[in-house]
Amino acid sequence: MAKYTKIQDTVVLQKAYDFYMSKVLEKAPYVNMVGVQNVLDDLAKTIPAAKNAKPDQFVEHRFLDALDKSGLLKELYP
């Protein structure tokens, strides 16, 4: 982060890192289905077929669900 923000204060960098890791980034990389629906709603303005499309048609969480249930994600993202 220091390289890109040009911040040298390690306390500030650590606090920023901790904030993003705990509040901003998801523990498991699931796709935000509301976000996908928003994209489909926007696409429907120019692509009529998007009006009837559902996020589940484009997103597959099966493998991520299996990893989550196995406990691996909790090990990776405590």
N, C-alpha and C. Protein backbone atom coordinates (compact mmCIF):
# COMPACT_ATOMS: atom_id res chain seq x y z
N MET A 1 0.82 -1.18 0.00
CA MET A 1 0.00 0.00 0.00
C MET A 1 0.87 1.25 0.00
N ALA A 2 1.99 1.18 0.69
CA ALA A 2 2.87 2.35 0.78
C ALA A 2 3.34 2.77 -0.61
N LYS A 3 3.63 1.80 -1.44
CA LYS A 3 4.12 2.09 -2.79
C LYS A 3 3.10 2.91 -3.58
N TYR A 4 1.83 2.55 -3.48
CA TYR A 4 0.80 3.20 -4.29
C TYR A 4 0.20 4.44 -3.65
N THR A 5 0.20 4.48 -2.32
CA THR A 5 -0.38 5.64 -1.64
C THR A 5 0.65 6.70 -1.31
N LYS A 6 1.92 6.31 -1.35
CA LYS A 6 3.04 7.19 -0.99
C LYS A 6 3.01 7.57 0.49
N ILE A 7 2.28 6.80 1.28
CA ILE A 7 2.23 7.02 2.73
C ILE A 7 3.37 6.23 3.36
N GLN A 8 4.12 6.88 4.21
CA GLN A 8 5.25 6.23 4.86
C GLN A 8 4.96 5.85 6.32
N ASP A 9 3.93 6.43 6.89
CA ASP A 9 3.58 6.19 8.29
C ASP A 9 3.05 4.76 8.43
N THR A 10 3.83 3.90 9.08
CA THR A 10 3.46 2.49 9.19
C THR A 10 2.21 2.27 10.04
N VAL A 11 1.97 3.14 11.01
CA VAL A 11 0.76 3.01 11.83
C VAL A 11 -0.48 3.27 10.98
N VAL A 12 -0.43 4.32 10.18
CA VAL A 12 -1.55 4.65 9.30
C VAL A 12 -1.76 3.53 8.28
N LEU A 13 -0.69 3.04 7.71
CA LEU A 13 -0.79 1.95 6.73
C LEU A 13 -1.41 0.70 7.35
N GLN A 14 -0.98 0.36 8.57
CA GLN A 14 -1.52 -0.82 9.24
C GLN A 14 -3.01 -0.66 9.53
N LYS A 15 -3.41 0.53 9.99
CA LYS A 15 -4.82 0.78 10.27
C LYS A 15 -5.66 0.70 9.00
N ALA A 16 -5.14 1.25 7.91
CA ALA A 16 -5.86 1.20 6.64
C ALA A 16 -5.98 -0.25 6.16
N TYR A 17 -4.91 -1.00 6.28
CA TYR A 17 -4.92 -2.41 5.88
C TYR A 17 -5.93 -3.19 6.71
N ASP A 18 -5.88 -3.02 8.02
CA ASP A 18 -6.80 -3.72 8.91
C ASP A 18 -8.25 -3.38 8.59
N PHE A 19 -8.52 -2.11 8.30
CA PHE A 19 -9.88 -1.68 7.97
C PHE A 19 -10.37 -2.39 6.71
N TYR A 20 -9.57 -2.35 5.66
CA TYR A 20 -9.99 -2.97 4.40
C TYR A 20 -10.14 -4.48 4.52
N MET A 21 -9.26 -5.09 5.27
CA MET A 21 -9.34 -6.55 5.42
C MET A 21 -10.54 -6.97 6.25
N SER A 22 -10.96 -6.15 7.20
CA SER A 22 -12.06 -6.55 8.08
C SER A 22 -13.41 -5.99 7.67
N LYS A 23 -13.44 -4.85 7.01
CA LYS A 23 -14.72 -4.19 6.72
C LYS A 23 -15.08 -4.13 5.24
N VAL A 24 -14.11 -4.05 4.38
CA VAL A 24 -14.38 -3.81 2.96
C VAL A 24 -14.35 -5.11 2.16
N LEU A 25 -13.31 -5.88 2.32
CA LEU A 25 -13.17 -7.12 1.55
C LEU A 25 -13.98 -8.24 2.20
N GLU A 26 -14.61 -9.02 1.37
CA GLU A 26 -15.38 -10.17 1.85
C GLU A 26 -14.42 -11.28 2.28
N LYS A 27 -14.80 -12.01 3.30
CA LYS A 27 -13.98 -13.14 3.75
C LYS A 27 -13.96 -14.24 2.69
N ALA A 28 -15.08 -14.46 2.07
CA ALA A 28 -15.17 -15.44 0.99
C ALA A 28 -15.52 -14.68 -0.29
N PRO A 29 -14.88 -15.01 -1.38
CA PRO A 29 -15.08 -14.23 -2.61
C PRO A 29 -16.37 -14.55 -3.37
N TYR A 30 -17.49 -14.50 -2.66
CA TYR A 30 -18.79 -14.73 -3.32
C TYR A 30 -19.14 -13.54 -4.20
N VAL A 31 -19.78 -13.80 -5.30
CA VAL A 31 -20.25 -12.75 -6.21
C VAL A 31 -21.47 -12.09 -5.57
N ASN A 32 -21.50 -10.78 -5.60
CA ASN A 32 -22.63 -10.02 -5.06
C ASN A 32 -23.78 -10.11 -6.06
N MET A 33 -24.80 -10.88 -5.71
CA MET A 33 -25.90 -11.12 -6.64
C MET A 33 -26.74 -9.86 -6.88
N VAL A 34 -26.82 -8.99 -5.89
CA VAL A 34 -27.53 -7.72 -6.08
C VAL A 34 -26.79 -6.89 -7.12
N GLY A 35 -25.46 -6.92 -7.06
CA GLY A 35 -24.66 -6.21 -8.04
C GLY A 35 -24.87 -6.74 -9.45
N VAL A 36 -24.95 -8.06 -9.57
CA VAL A 36 -25.20 -8.67 -10.88
C VAL A 36 -26.57 -8.25 -11.39
N GLN A 37 -27.56 -8.22 -10.50
CA GLN A 37 -28.90 -7.80 -10.91
C GLN A 37 -28.88 -6.34 -11.37
N ASN A 38 -28.11 -5.50 -10.69
CA ASN A 38 -27.99 -4.10 -11.10
C ASN A 38 -27.39 -3.99 -12.50
N VAL A 39 -26.40 -4.80 -12.79
CA VAL A 39 -25.79 -4.80 -14.12
C VAL A 39 -26.82 -5.25 -15.16
N LEU A 40 -27.56 -6.30 -14.85
CA LEU A 40 -28.59 -6.78 -15.78
C LEU A 40 -29.66 -5.71 -16.02
N ASP A 41 -30.05 -5.03 -14.96
CA ASP A 41 -31.05 -3.96 -15.11
C ASP A 41 -30.53 -2.86 -16.02
N ASP A 42 -29.25 -2.53 -15.88
CA ASP A 42 -28.65 -1.51 -16.73
C ASP A 42 -28.54 -1.99 -18.17
N LEU A 43 -28.13 -3.23 -18.35
CA LEU A 43 -28.02 -3.80 -19.70
C LEU A 43 -29.37 -3.87 -20.41
N ALA A 44 -30.43 -4.04 -19.64
CA ALA A 44 -31.77 -4.17 -20.23
C ALA A 44 -32.17 -2.94 -21.03
N LYS A 45 -31.51 -1.82 -20.77
CA LYS A 45 -31.79 -0.59 -21.52
C LYS A 45 -31.39 -0.73 -22.99
N THR A 46 -30.36 -1.54 -23.24
CA THR A 46 -29.87 -1.69 -24.61
C THR A 46 -29.97 -3.12 -25.14
N ILE A 47 -30.11 -4.07 -24.23
CA ILE A 47 -30.23 -5.48 -24.62
C ILE A 47 -31.51 -6.03 -24.00
N PRO A 48 -32.58 -6.09 -24.76
CA PRO A 48 -33.87 -6.49 -24.21
C PRO A 48 -33.87 -7.85 -23.48
N ALA A 49 -33.07 -8.78 -23.92
CA ALA A 49 -33.04 -10.11 -23.28
C ALA A 49 -32.57 -10.04 -21.83
N ALA A 50 -31.80 -9.02 -21.50
CA ALA A 50 -31.31 -8.88 -20.12
C ALA A 50 -32.43 -8.59 -19.14
N LYS A 51 -33.55 -8.10 -19.65
CA LYS A 51 -34.68 -7.76 -18.78
C LYS A 51 -35.21 -9.00 -18.05
N ASN A 52 -35.21 -10.13 -18.71
CA ASN A 52 -35.73 -11.36 -18.12
C ASN A 52 -34.65 -12.27 -17.53
N ALA A 53 -33.41 -11.84 -17.62
CA ALA A 53 -32.31 -12.66 -17.12
C ALA A 53 -32.23 -12.56 -15.60
N LYS A 54 -31.75 -13.62 -14.98
CA LYS A 54 -31.57 -13.69 -13.53
C LYS A 54 -30.09 -13.89 -13.22
N PRO A 55 -29.60 -13.32 -12.14
CA PRO A 55 -28.19 -13.48 -11.78
C PRO A 55 -27.73 -14.93 -11.71
N ASP A 56 -28.60 -15.82 -11.26
CA ASP A 56 -28.24 -17.24 -11.15
C ASP A 56 -27.86 -17.87 -12.48
N GLN A 57 -28.30 -17.27 -13.58
CA GLN A 57 -27.96 -17.79 -14.90
C GLN A 57 -26.48 -17.56 -15.24
N PHE A 58 -25.84 -16.64 -14.52
CA PHE A 58 -24.48 -16.24 -14.86
C PHE A 58 -23.46 -16.53 -13.77
N VAL A 59 -23.93 -16.88 -12.59
CA VAL A 59 -23.04 -17.06 -11.45
C VAL A 59 -23.21 -18.47 -10.89
N GLU A 60 -22.11 -19.14 -10.67
CA GLU A 60 -22.12 -20.49 -10.11
C GLU A 60 -21.33 -20.48 -8.80
N HIS A 61 -22.01 -20.66 -7.69
CA HIS A 61 -21.36 -20.66 -6.38
C HIS A 61 -21.08 -22.07 -5.85
N ARG A 62 -21.38 -23.08 -6.63
CA ARG A 62 -21.27 -24.47 -6.17
C ARG A 62 -19.88 -24.80 -5.64
N PHE A 63 -18.85 -24.42 -6.36
CA PHE A 63 -17.49 -24.77 -5.95
C PHE A 63 -17.06 -23.96 -4.73
N LEU A 64 -17.43 -22.70 -4.71
CA LEU A 64 -17.11 -21.86 -3.56
C LEU A 64 -17.86 -22.34 -2.32
N ASP A 65 -19.11 -22.75 -2.49
CA ASP A 65 -19.88 -23.32 -1.38
C ASP A 65 -19.17 -24.55 -0.80
N ALA A 66 -18.65 -25.39 -1.68
CA ALA A 66 -17.95 -26.60 -1.23
C ALA A 66 -16.70 -26.24 -0.44
N LEU A 67 -15.96 -25.25 -0.92
CA LEU A 67 -14.77 -24.80 -0.19
C LEU A 67 -15.15 -24.21 1.16
N ASP A 68 -16.22 -23.45 1.17
CA ASP A 68 -16.69 -22.82 2.40
C ASP A 68 -17.11 -23.89 3.42
N LYS A 69 -17.86 -24.88 2.97
CA LYS A 69 -18.33 -25.94 3.86
C LYS A 69 -17.18 -26.82 4.36
N SER A 70 -16.11 -26.91 3.59
CA SER A 70 -14.96 -27.73 4.00
C SER A 70 -14.15 -27.06 5.10
N GLY A 71 -14.36 -25.76 5.30
CA GLY A 71 -13.60 -25.04 6.31
C GLY A 71 -12.35 -24.37 5.78
N LEU A 72 -12.02 -24.61 4.52
CA LEU A 72 -10.80 -24.04 3.94
C LEU A 72 -10.82 -22.51 3.96
N LEU A 73 -11.95 -21.91 3.63
CA LEU A 73 -12.01 -20.46 3.60
C LEU A 73 -11.77 -19.84 4.97
N LYS A 74 -12.24 -20.51 6.01
CA LYS A 74 -12.01 -20.01 7.37
C LYS A 74 -10.53 -20.10 7.74
N GLU A 75 -9.84 -21.09 7.19
CA GLU A 75 -8.40 -21.20 7.42
C GLU A 75 -7.65 -20.11 6.66
N LEU A 76 -8.09 -19.83 5.44
CA LEU A 76 -7.42 -18.82 4.63
C LEU A 76 -7.71 -17.40 5.10
N TYR A 77 -8.95 -17.18 5.55
CA TYR A 77 -9.39 -15.84 5.96
C TYR A 77 -9.92 -15.90 7.38
N PRO A 78 -9.02 -16.02 8.37
CA PRO A 78 -9.48 -16.14 9.77
C PRO A 78 -10.18 -14.88 10.29
